[in-house]
C-alpha atoms as a PDB file:
ATOM      1  CA  MET A   1       0.242   0.079   0.042  1.00  0.00           C
ATOM      2  CA  ASN A   2       1.338   3.576  -1.562  1.00  0.00           C
ATOM      3  CA  TRP A   3       0.866   5.536   2.310  1.00  0.00           C
ATOM      4  CA  PHE A   4       2.252   8.777   0.422  1.00  0.00           C
ATOM      5  CA  THR A   5       1.366   9.821  -3.762  1.00  0.00           C
ATOM      6  CA  PHE A   6       1.290  13.227  -4.543  1.00  0.00           C
ATOM      7  CA  SER A   7      -1.228  14.386  -7.683  1.00  0.00           C
ATOM      8  CA  LEU A   8      -1.428  17.687  -8.729  1.00  0.00           C
ATOM      9  CA  PRO A   9      -5.161  17.557 -10.128  1.00  0.00           C
ATOM     10  CA  ASP A  10      -5.959  16.438  -6.555  1.00  0.00           C
ATOM     11  CA  PHE A  11      -4.221  19.071  -4.637  1.00  0.00           C
ATOM     12  CA  SER A  12      -5.552  21.658  -7.166  1.00  0.00           C
ATOM     13  CA  TYR A  13      -8.570  20.627  -6.422  1.00  0.00           C
ATOM     14  CA  ALA A  14      -8.380  20.682  -2.831  1.00  0.00           C
ATOM     15  CA  PHE A  15      -6.769  23.659  -2.121  1.00  0.00           C
ATOM     16  CA  LEU A  16      -9.413  25.630  -4.606  1.00  0.00           C
ATOM     17  CA  SER A  17     -11.884  23.998  -2.726  1.00  0.00           C
ATOM     18  CA  VAL A  18     -10.691  24.968   0.670  1.00  0.00           C
ATOM     19  CA  LEU A  19      -9.394  28.684  -0.671  1.00  0.00           C
ATOM     20  CA  LEU A  20     -12.858  29.584  -2.379  1.00  0.00           C
ATOM     21  CA  GLU A  21     -14.672  28.052   0.860  1.00  0.00           C
ATOM     22  CA  GLY A  22     -13.099  30.583   3.236  1.00  0.00           C
ATOM     23  CA  VAL A  23     -12.123  33.400   1.633  1.00  0.00           C
ATOM     24  CA  PRO A  24     -16.095  34.709   2.369  1.00  0.00           C
ATOM     25  CA  PHE A  25     -15.935  34.017   5.404  1.00  0.00           C
ATOM     26  CA  ILE A  26     -12.513  35.760   5.897  1.00  0.00           C
ATOM     27  CA  LEU A  27     -13.718  38.629   3.755  1.00  0.00           C
ATOM     28  CA  PHE A  28     -17.037  39.097   5.873  1.00  0.00           C
ATOM     29  CA  GLY A  29     -14.917  38.657   8.724  1.00  0.00           C
ATOM     30  CA  THR A  30     -12.784  41.616   7.821  1.00  0.00           C
ATOM     31  CA  LEU A  31     -15.081  44.004   6.954  1.00  0.00           C
ATOM     32  CA  LEU A  32     -16.961  43.278  10.224  1.00  0.00           C
ATOM     33  CA  SER A  33     -13.660  43.904  12.067  1.00  0.00           C
ATOM     34  CA  GLY A  34     -13.099  47.556  10.344  1.00  0.00           C
ATOM     35  CA  LEU A  35     -16.733  48.222  11.179  1.00  0.00           C
ATOM     36  CA  ILE A  36     -16.335  47.313  14.500  1.00  0.00           C
ATOM     37  CA  ASP A  37     -12.849  49.036  14.287  1.00  0.00           C
ATOM     38  CA  GLN A  38     -14.675  52.321  13.183  1.00  0.00           C
ATOM     39  CA  PHE A  39     -18.227  52.143  15.044  1.00  0.00           C
ATOM     40  CA  LEU A  40     -17.964  50.500  18.219  1.00  0.00           C
ATOM     41  CA  PRO A  41     -17.994  52.596  21.759  1.00  0.00           C
ATOM     42  CA  ALA A  42     -14.392  51.479  23.267  1.00  0.00           C
ATOM     43  CA  ARG A  43     -14.614  49.766  26.256  1.00  0.00           C
ATOM     44  CA  VAL A  44     -18.549  48.953  25.445  1.00  0.00           C
ATOM     45  CA  MET A  45     -17.859  44.748  25.326  1.00  0.00           C
ATOM     46  CA  THR A  46     -17.199  45.297  28.681  1.00  0.00           C
ATOM     47  CA  GLY A  47     -20.691  46.525  29.674  1.00  0.00           C
ATOM     48  CA  LEU A  48     -22.358  43.955  27.393  1.00  0.00           C
ATOM     49  CA  LEU A  49     -20.840  40.859  29.160  1.00  0.00           C
ATOM     50  CA  PRO A  50     -21.310  39.374  32.858  1.00  0.00           C
ATOM     51  CA  LYS A  51     -18.639  41.313  35.251  1.00  0.00           C
ATOM     52  CA  ASN A  52     -17.940  38.052  36.924  1.00  0.00           C
ATOM     53  CA  PRO A  53     -14.743  36.349  35.359  1.00  0.00           C
ATOM     54  CA  PHE A  54     -16.450  33.090  35.045  1.00  0.00           C
ATOM     55  CA  LEU A  55     -20.253  34.437  34.146  1.00  0.00           C
ATOM     56  CA  GLY A  56     -17.918  36.422  31.421  1.00  0.00           C
ATOM     57  CA  VAL A  57     -16.690  33.612  29.693  1.00  0.00           C
ATOM     58  CA  CYS A  58     -19.610  31.862  29.893  1.00  0.00           C
ATOM     59  CA  ALA A  59     -21.276  34.308  28.081  1.00  0.00           C
ATOM     60  CA  ALA A  60     -18.678  34.803  25.840  1.00  0.00           C
ATOM     61  CA  ALA A  61     -18.480  31.135  24.548  1.00  0.00           C
ATOM     62  CA  GLY A  62     -22.440  31.346  24.575  1.00  0.00           C
ATOM     63  CA  LEU A  63     -21.837  34.355  22.061  1.00  0.00           C
ATOM     64  CA  GLY A  64     -21.916  32.267  18.743  1.00  0.00           C
ATOM     65  CA  LEU A  65     -25.823  31.052  19.350  1.00  0.00           C
ATOM     66  CA  VAL A  66     -26.233  35.149  18.927  1.00  0.00           C
ATOM     67  CA  PHE A  67     -23.783  35.855  16.804  1.00  0.00           C
ATOM     68  CA  PRO A  68     -22.478  32.750  14.488  1.00  0.00           C
ATOM     69  CA  MET A  69     -18.633  33.495  13.147  1.00  0.00           C
ATOM     70  CA  CYS A  70     -17.094  30.390  11.125  1.00  0.00           C
ATOM     71  CA  GLU A  71     -13.884  29.621  12.457  1.00  0.00           C
ATOM     72  CA  CYS A  72     -11.570  31.114   9.489  1.00  0.00           C
ATOM     73  CA  GLY A  73     -13.148  34.939  10.014  1.00  0.00           C
ATOM     74  CA  ILE A  74     -13.686  35.218  13.548  1.00  0.00           C
ATOM     75  CA  VAL A  75      -9.626  35.829  14.313  1.00  0.00           C
ATOM     76  CA  PRO A  76      -9.880  39.649  12.415  1.00  0.00           C
ATOM     77  CA  VAL A  77     -12.947  40.204  14.289  1.00  0.00           C
ATOM     78  CA  ILE A  78     -11.768  38.563  18.051  1.00  0.00           C
ATOM     79  CA  ARG A  79      -8.892  41.363  17.033  1.00  0.00           C
ATOM     80  CA  ARG A  80     -10.482  44.909  16.942  1.00  0.00           C
ATOM     81  CA  LEU A  81     -13.218  42.884  20.060  1.00  0.00           C
ATOM     82  CA  ILE A  82      -9.836  43.247  22.106  1.00  0.00           C
ATOM     83  CA  ALA A  83      -8.975  46.599  20.809  1.00  0.00           C
ATOM     84  CA  LYS A  84     -12.578  48.111  22.416  1.00  0.00           C
ATOM     85  CA  GLY A  85     -12.097  46.198  25.828  1.00  0.00           C
ATOM     86  CA  LEU A  86     -12.992  42.232  25.548  1.00  0.00           C
ATOM     87  CA  PRO A  87     -11.099  40.253  27.743  1.00  0.00           C
ATOM     88  CA  ILE A  88      -8.161  38.328  26.497  1.00  0.00           C
ATOM     89  CA  SER A  89     -10.044  35.308  28.352  1.00  0.00           C
ATOM     90  CA  ASN A  90     -13.693  36.677  26.658  1.00  0.00           C
ATOM     91  CA  ALA A  91     -11.915  36.533  23.524  1.00  0.00           C
ATOM     92  CA  VAL A  92     -10.411  32.983  23.253  1.00  0.00           C
ATOM     93  CA  ALA A  93     -13.662  31.631  24.797  1.00  0.00           C
ATOM     94  CA  TYR A  94     -16.015  33.004  21.626  1.00  0.00           C
ATOM     95  CA  MET A  95     -12.678  32.425  19.002  1.00  0.00           C
ATOM     96  CA  LEU A  96     -13.094  28.688  19.953  1.00  0.00           C
ATOM     97  CA  ALA A  97     -17.055  28.120  20.773  1.00  0.00           C
ATOM     98  CA  ALA A  98     -18.978  30.759  18.042  1.00  0.00           C
ATOM     99  CA  PRO A  99     -17.953  28.315  15.071  1.00  0.00           C
ATOM    100  CA  ILE A 100     -19.497  25.483  17.374  1.00  0.00           C
ATOM    101  CA  VAL A 101     -21.820  26.649  19.440  1.00  0.00           C
ATOM    102  CA  ASN A 102     -24.090  28.206  16.578  1.00  0.00           C
ATOM    103  CA  PRO A 103     -27.686  27.441  15.373  1.00  0.00           C
ATOM    104  CA  ILE A 104     -25.972  26.910  11.635  1.00  0.00           C
ATOM    105  CA  THR A 105     -23.429  24.403  12.940  1.00  0.00           C
ATOM    106  CA  ALA A 106     -26.583  22.641  15.095  1.00  0.00           C
ATOM    107  CA  LEU A 107     -28.694  22.117  12.169  1.00  0.00           C
ATOM    108  CA  SER A 108     -25.700  20.828   9.594  1.00  0.00           C
ATOM    109  CA  THR A 109     -24.852  18.266  12.362  1.00  0.00           C
ATOM    110  CA  TYR A 110     -28.014  17.363  13.027  1.00  0.00           C
ATOM    111  CA  ALA A 111     -28.718  16.541   9.312  1.00  0.00           C
ATOM    112  CA  ALA A 112     -25.587  14.974   9.156  1.00  0.00           C
ATOM    113  CA  PHE A 113     -26.606  12.368  11.619  1.00  0.00           C
ATOM    114  CA  ARG A 114     -30.037  11.570  10.612  1.00  0.00           C
ATOM    115  CA  GLY A 115     -30.710   8.023  11.724  1.00  0.00           C
ATOM    116  CA  GLN A 116     -27.108   8.132  13.804  1.00  0.00           C
ATOM    117  CA  GLY A 117     -28.630   9.355  17.080  1.00  0.00           C
ATOM    118  CA  ALA A 118     -29.003  13.086  15.658  1.00  0.00           C
ATOM    119  CA  ALA A 119     -30.213  15.329  18.270  1.00  0.00           C
ATOM    120  CA  GLU A 120     -28.080  13.553  21.531  1.00  0.00           C
ATOM    121  CA  PHE A 121     -24.901  13.237  18.960  1.00  0.00           C
ATOM    122  CA  THR A 122     -25.548  17.517  17.955  1.00  0.00           C
ATOM    123  CA  ALA A 123     -26.449  18.240  21.918  1.00  0.00           C
ATOM    124  CA  LEU A 124     -23.278  16.430  22.498  1.00  0.00           C
ATOM    125  CA  ARG A 125     -20.698  18.412  20.010  1.00  0.00           C
ATOM    126  CA  LEU A 126     -22.720  21.943  21.492  1.00  0.00           C
ATOM    127  CA  GLY A 127     -22.173  20.865  24.468  1.00  0.00           C
ATOM    128  CA  LEU A 128     -18.522  19.875  24.608  1.00  0.00           C
ATOM    129  CA  GLY A 129     -17.708  22.507  22.376  1.00  0.00           C
ATOM    130  CA  PHE A 130     -18.932  25.464  25.043  1.00  0.00           C
ATOM    131  CA  LEU A 131     -17.710  23.520  27.929  1.00  0.00           C
ATOM    132  CA  VAL A 132     -13.457  23.179  25.871  1.00  0.00           C
ATOM    133  CA  SER A 133     -13.720  26.961  25.357  1.00  0.00           C
ATOM    134  CA  VAL A 134     -14.722  27.949  28.907  1.00  0.00           C
ATOM    135  CA  VAL A 135     -11.781  25.415  30.623  1.00  0.00           C
ATOM    136  CA  VAL A 136      -9.644  27.616  27.769  1.00  0.00           C
ATOM    137  CA  GLY A 137     -10.926  31.308  28.347  1.00  0.00           C
ATOM    138  CA  LEU A 138     -10.775  30.204  32.376  1.00  0.00           C
ATOM    139  CA  ALA A 139      -6.986  29.373  31.260  1.00  0.00           C
ATOM    140  CA  VAL A 140      -6.049  32.209  29.900  1.00  0.00           C
ATOM    141  CA  GLN A 141      -6.949  34.308  32.496  1.00  0.00           C
ATOM    142  CA  ASN A 142      -3.959  33.940  34.367  1.00  0.00           C
ATOM    143  CA  LEU A 143      -1.535  34.687  31.699  1.00  0.00           C
ATOM    144  CA  SER A 144      -0.744  38.024  30.587  1.00  0.00           C
ATOM    145  CA  ILE A 145      -1.543  39.720  27.358  1.00  0.00           C
ATOM    146  CA  GLY A 146       1.814  40.217  26.265  1.00  0.00           C
ATOM    147  CA  SER A 147       2.206  36.245  26.225  1.00  0.00           C
ATOM    148  CA  VAL A 148      -1.195  35.725  24.055  1.00  0.00           C
ATOM    149  CA  ILE A 149      -1.063  38.856  21.477  1.00  0.00           C
ATOM    150  CA  LYS A 150       2.210  38.813  19.326  1.00  0.00           C
ATOM    151  CA  LYS A 151       4.023  42.768  19.928  1.00  0.00           C
ATOM    152  CA  ASP A 152       3.865  44.013  17.219  1.00  0.00           C
ATOM    153  CA  VAL A 153      -0.421  43.147  17.277  1.00  0.00           C
ATOM    154  CA  LEU A 154      -0.355  44.607  20.559  1.00  0.00           C
ATOM    155  CA  GLU A 155       0.617  47.890  19.586  1.00  0.00           C
ATOM    156  CA  SER A 156      -1.453  48.233  16.411  1.00  0.00           C
ATOM    157  CA  ILE A 157      -4.060  47.391  18.249  1.00  0.00           C
ATOM    158  CA  VAL A 158      -3.454  50.464  21.390  1.00  0.00           C
ATOM    159  CA  LEU A 159      -2.666  52.444  18.277  1.00  0.00           C
ATOM    160  CA  SER A 160      -5.855  51.722  17.051  1.00  0.00           C
ATOM    161  CA  GLY A 161      -7.642  52.532  20.401  1.00  0.00           C
ATOM    162  CA  VAL A 162      -6.622  55.620  20.327  1.00  0.00           C
ATOM    163  CA  GLU A 163      -7.222  56.713  16.756  1.00  0.00           C
ATOM    164  CA  SER A 164     -10.618  54.822  15.654  1.00  0.00           C
ATOM    165  CA  GLY A 165     -14.064  56.329  16.033  1.00  0.00           C
ATOM    166  CA  GLY A 166     -14.207  59.675  17.745  1.00  0.00           C
ATOM    167  CA  SER A 167     -16.110  62.361  16.384  1.00  0.00           C
ATOM    168  CA  ALA A 168     -14.927  62.218  12.488  1.00  0.00           C
ATOM    169  CA  PRO A 169     -17.389  62.388   9.929  1.00  0.00           C
ATOM    170  CA  LEU A 170     -19.116  59.742   8.953  1.00  0.00           C
ATOM    171  CA  ARG A 171     -17.980  59.265   5.663  1.00  0.00           C
ATOM    172  CA  ARG A 172     -14.530  58.997   6.732  1.00  0.00           C
ATOM    173  CA  ARG A 173     -15.121  56.527   9.647  1.00  0.00           C
ATOM    174  CA  TRP A 174     -16.706  54.581   6.720  1.00  0.00           C
ATOM    175  CA  ILE A 175     -13.467  54.825   4.487  1.00  0.00           C
ATOM    176  CA  ALA A 176     -11.525  54.545   7.473  1.00  0.00           C
ATOM    177  CA  ALA A 177     -13.461  51.091   7.957  1.00  0.00           C
ATOM    178  CA  MET A 178     -13.312  49.506   4.552  1.00  0.00           C
ATOM    179  CA  GLU A 179      -9.263  50.479   4.784  1.00  0.00           C
ATOM    180  CA  SER A 180      -8.755  48.798   7.889  1.00  0.00           C
ATOM    181  CA  GLY A 181     -10.447  45.679   6.636  1.00  0.00           C
ATOM    182  CA  VAL A 182      -8.446  45.418   3.819  1.00  0.00           C
ATOM    183  CA  ARG A 183      -5.557  45.248   5.653  1.00  0.00           C
ATOM    184  CA  ASP A 184      -7.097  42.705   8.153  1.00  0.00           C
ATOM    185  CA  PHE A 185      -8.089  40.702   5.151  1.00  0.00           C
ATOM    186  CA  LEU A 186      -4.266  41.111   3.403  1.00  0.00           C
ATOM    187  CA  VAL A 187      -2.442  40.063   6.772  1.00  0.00           C
ATOM    188  CA  VAL A 188      -5.129  37.023   7.110  1.00  0.00           C
ATOM    189  CA  MET A 189      -5.295  35.983   4.002  1.00  0.00           C
ATOM    190  CA  VAL A 190      -1.069  35.287   3.346  1.00  0.00           C
ATOM    191  CA  TYR A 191      -1.808  32.891   6.627  1.00  0.00           C
ATOM    192  CA  PHE A 192      -4.671  31.496   5.667  1.00  0.00           C
ATOM    193  CA  ILE A 193      -3.406  30.641   1.950  1.00  0.00           C
ATOM    194  CA  LEU A 194      -0.138  28.779   3.425  1.00  0.00           C
ATOM    195  CA  GLY A 195      -2.384  26.702   5.752  1.00  0.00           C
ATOM    196  CA  VAL A 196      -4.981  25.257   2.714  1.00  0.00           C
ATOM    197  CA  ALA A 197      -1.746  24.527   0.912  1.00  0.00           C
ATOM    198  CA  VAL A 198      -0.534  22.304   3.636  1.00  0.00           C
ATOM    199  CA  ALA A 199      -3.552  21.220   4.220  1.00  0.00           C
ATOM    200  CA  SER A 200      -4.507  20.600   1.180  1.00  0.00           C
ATOM    201  CA  LEU A 201      -1.016  18.691   0.516  1.00  0.00           C
ATOM    202  CA  PHE A 202      -1.264  16.081   3.421  1.00  0.00           C
ATOM    203  CA  GLY A 203      -5.017  15.886   2.796  1.00  0.00           C
ATOM    204  CA  THR A 204      -4.437  14.477  -0.753  1.00  0.00           C
ATOM    205  CA  ALA A 205      -1.298  12.698  -0.598  1.00  0.00           C
ATOM    206  CA  VAL A 206      -1.707  10.441   2.968  1.00  0.00           C
ATOM    207  CA  ASN A 207      -3.918   7.762   2.252  1.00  0.00           C
ATOM    208  CA  ARG A 208      -6.761   7.226   4.352  1.00  0.00           C
ATOM    209  CA  GLU A 209      -7.017   3.466   3.651  1.00  0.00           C
ATOM    210  CA  ILE A 210      -3.944   4.086   6.682  1.00  0.00           C
ATOM    211  CA  LEU A 211      -6.658   5.125   9.798  1.00  0.00           C
ATOM    212  CA  VAL A 212      -8.701   2.294   9.324  1.00  0.00           C
ATOM    213  CA  PRO A 213      -6.819  -0.185  10.996  1.00  0.00           C
ATOM    214  CA  LEU A 214      -7.523   2.172  13.726  1.00  0.00           C
ATOM    215  CA  SER A 215     -11.017   2.638  14.372  1.00  0.00           C
ATOM    216  CA  SER A 216     -11.421  -0.599  16.164  1.00  0.00           C
ATOM    217  CA  ASN A 217     -10.001   1.120  19.442  1.00  0.00           C
ATOM    218  CA  ASN A 218     -11.051   4.040  21.514  1.00  0.00           C
ATOM    219  CA  TRP A 219      -7.676   5.289  22.515  1.00  0.00           C
ATOM    220  CA  MET A 220      -6.114   4.787  18.896  1.00  0.00           C
ATOM    221  CA  ALA A 221      -9.768   6.673  16.915  1.00  0.00           C
ATOM    222  CA  VAL A 222      -9.908   9.272  19.386  1.00  0.00           C
ATOM    223  CA  PRO A 223      -6.384  10.933  18.083  1.00  0.00           C
ATOM    224  CA  SER A 224      -6.456   9.491  14.934  1.00  0.00           C
ATOM    225  CA  MET A 225      -9.774  11.620  14.102  1.00  0.00           C
ATOM    226  CA  MET A 226      -8.146  14.626  15.434  1.00  0.00           C
ATOM    227  CA  GLY A 227      -5.070  14.494  13.099  1.00  0.00           C
ATOM    228  CA  LEU A 228      -7.424  13.728  10.139  1.00  0.00           C
ATOM    229  CA  ALA A 229      -9.835  16.642  11.251  1.00  0.00           C
ATOM    230  CA  ALA A 230      -6.364  18.861  11.793  1.00  0.00           C
ATOM    231  CA  ILE A 231      -5.515  18.006   8.461  1.00  0.00           C
ATOM    232  CA  LEU A 232      -9.059  18.031   6.339  1.00  0.00           C
ATOM    233  CA  ALA A 233      -8.624  21.674   7.350  1.00  0.00           C
ATOM    234  CA  LEU A 234     -13.261  21.526   6.674  1.00  0.00           C
ATOM    235  CA  CYS A 235     -15.300  24.241   8.033  1.00  0.00           C
ATOM    236  CA  SER A 236     -17.918  23.986  10.761  1.00  0.00           C
ATOM    237  CA  SER A 237     -21.054  23.894   8.666  1.00  0.00           C
ATOM    238  CA  SER A 238     -19.989  21.095   6.329  1.00  0.00           C
ATOM    239  CA  ASP A 239     -17.660  18.678   8.107  1.00  0.00           C
ATOM    240  CA  ALA A 240     -20.221  16.474  10.242  1.00  0.00           C
ATOM    241  CA  PHE A 241     -21.107  14.999   7.215  1.00  0.00           C
ATOM    242  CA  ILE A 242     -17.671  14.449   6.446  1.00  0.00           C
ATOM    243  CA  ALA A 243     -17.584  12.647   9.934  1.00  0.00           C
ATOM    244  CA  ALA A 244     -20.628  10.772   9.581  1.00  0.00           C
ATOM    245  CA  SER A 245     -19.369   9.498   6.189  1.00  0.00           C
ATOM    246  CA  PHE A 246     -16.436   7.224   8.568  1.00  0.00           C
ATOM    247  CA  VAL A 247     -18.936   5.175   9.731  1.00  0.00           C
ATOM    248  CA  ALA A 248     -16.340   2.425  11.133  1.00  0.00           C
ATOM    249  CA  PHE A 249     -15.665   4.404  13.664  1.00  0.00           C
ATOM    250  CA  PRO A 250     -16.742   5.132  17.277  1.00  0.00           C
ATOM    251  CA  ALA A 251     -19.048   7.890  17.881  1.00  0.00           C
ATOM    252  CA  VAL A 252     -17.055   9.483  20.362  1.00  0.00           C
ATOM    253  CA  ALA A 253     -14.025   9.812  17.576  1.00  0.00           C
ATOM    254  CA  LYS A 254     -16.385  10.988  15.337  1.00  0.00           C
ATOM    255  CA  LEU A 255     -17.254  13.836  18.095  1.00  0.00           C
ATOM    256  CA  ALA A 256     -13.517  14.813  18.725  1.00  0.00           C
ATOM    257  CA  PHE A 257     -13.194  15.290  15.580  1.00  0.00           C
ATOM    258  CA  LEU A 258     -16.432  17.703  15.369  1.00  0.00           C
ATOM    259  CA  VAL A 259     -15.005  19.427  18.030  1.00  0.00           C
ATOM    260  CA  PHE A 260     -11.123  19.762  17.557  1.00  0.00           C
ATOM    261  CA  GLY A 261     -11.344  20.365  13.904  1.00  0.00           C
ATOM    262  CA  PRO A 262     -13.192  23.838  13.965  1.00  0.00           C
ATOM    263  CA  MET A 263     -10.844  24.788  17.208  1.00  0.00           C
ATOM    264  CA  MET A 264      -7.502  23.830  15.733  1.00  0.00           C
ATOM    265  CA  ASP A 265      -7.125  22.681  11.947  1.00  0.00           C
ATOM    266  CA  LEU A 266      -4.166  23.323  10.036  1.00  0.00           C
ATOM    267  CA  LYS A 267      -5.909  26.287   8.148  1.00  0.00           C
ATOM    268  CA  LEU A 268      -5.850  27.550  12.068  1.00  0.00           C
ATOM    269  CA  PHE A 269      -2.734  26.746  13.153  1.00  0.00           C
ATOM    270  CA  PHE A 270      -1.529  29.615  10.812  1.00  0.00           C
ATOM    271  CA  ILE A 271      -4.608  32.700  10.814  1.00  0.00           C
ATOM    272  CA  TYR A 272      -4.056  32.202  14.639  1.00  0.00           C
ATOM    273  CA  ASN A 273      -0.330  32.861  14.113  1.00  0.00           C
ATOM    274  CA  ALA A 274      -1.221  36.633  12.201  1.00  0.00           C
ATOM    275  CA  VAL A 275      -2.490  37.811  15.994  1.00  0.00           C
ATOM    276  CA  PHE A 276      -1.534  35.500  18.711  1.00  0.00           C
ATOM    277  CA  THR A 277       2.328  34.481  20.130  1.00  0.00           C
ATOM    278  CA  ARG A 278       3.692  31.145  18.802  1.00  0.00           C
ATOM    279  CA  ARG A 279       4.208  30.075  22.171  1.00  0.00           C
ATOM    280  CA  PHE A 280       0.575  30.230  22.773  1.00  0.00           C
ATOM    281  CA  VAL A 281      -0.972  28.902  19.535  1.00  0.00           C
ATOM    282  CA  ALA A 282       1.536  25.866  20.221  1.00  0.00           C
ATOM    283  CA  GLY A 283       0.243  25.832  24.143  1.00  0.00           C
ATOM    284  CA  LEU A 284      -3.312  26.253  22.334  1.00  0.00           C
ATOM    285  CA  ALA A 285      -2.643  23.353  20.297  1.00  0.00           C
ATOM    286  CA  ILE A 286      -1.624  20.986  22.231  1.00  0.00           C
ATOM    287  CA  GLY A 287      -3.943  21.816  25.086  1.00  0.00           C
ATOM    288  CA  LEU A 288      -6.769  21.566  23.013  1.00  0.00           C
ATOM    289  CA  PHE A 289      -5.932  18.004  21.566  1.00  0.00           C
ATOM    290  CA  VAL A 290      -4.970  16.848  24.900  1.00  0.00           C
ATOM    291  CA  LEU A 291      -8.448  17.964  26.453  1.00  0.00           C
ATOM    292  CA  ILE A 292     -10.364  17.211  23.781  1.00  0.00           C
ATOM    293  CA  GLY A 293      -8.988  13.794  23.716  1.00  0.00           C
ATOM    294  CA  LEU A 294      -9.617  13.074  27.142  1.00  0.00           C
ATOM    295  CA  LEU A 295     -13.205  14.405  27.508  1.00  0.00           C
ATOM    296  CA  CYS A 296     -14.056  12.076  24.415  1.00  0.00           C
ATOM    297  CA  LEU A 297     -11.952   9.120  25.295  1.00  0.00           C
ATOM    298  CA  ARG A 298     -14.158   9.694  29.226  1.00  0.00           C
ATOM    299  CA  LEU A 299     -17.393   9.954  27.535  1.00  0.00           C
ATOM    300  CA  SER A 300     -16.835   6.140  25.831  1.00  0.00           C
ATOM    301  CA  VAL A 301     -16.115   4.879  29.056  1.00  0.00           C
ATOM    302  CA  ILE A 302     -19.738   5.727  30.291  1.00  0.00           C
ATOM    303  CA  GLY A 303     -21.070   4.367  27.233  1.00  0.00           C
ATOM    304  CA  LEU A 304     -20.917   6.650  24.427  1.00  0.00           C
END
């Protein structure tokens, strides 16, 4: 069996598929970030969430139900919300939860798993996504902002907080919002294209047949499916249909696939590096892999 086979047509198709799927969401997210930069009053975010740190993180993790966002476009939005006063812990919780804990993902998951306990599985996906996001958000509370946000990004956030909004004419603020959005779009796209290229290479060159022998054991199936989710770099609104097709794998492995992928895949690893420090992104990737893996294995013990 050939484990690795490179095909330029397959690579090109996979690359363009993910690229074209993600670009509209990135464009929407960056344009929204520009509007937030110019029109959201400074510090207003701190007034929208509970003052209690724990309740604030929980509320932020549930914001996706009201403001759903795809994982591709959420990073520039998070950057602007932090500049407007949203605590880092709340921002990270929203960033991780929004692609999963939202109505669109819930509907697609339910549709994909019809006949396979769709209601229970959908509730487990959203519940586990919420729980993991809260845990990570609470952990981030203990970190300094300098250890989470890149220095140059932090400086630009401080500068934008001083310059944005204010009493400038409405027309000028619209222009500034678009200029800000375009800058964010160009920065994120560099990392996005690199991540998509890596994901497409692995997704088309690695033979999926090597995963089949791993499906009979939860301790092997769960990390295998999480690794596959990272490689395939699917959108959270459609990944459930791919997960449901892996009929040989146990439910907990599919659940791990659907929770880990929208929080940390190859394209997101590169996109996160546009805002967060390398050490934080690496720690986040390892922490999410371990936490989600252990929680899913725990669910397998109690009978999922």
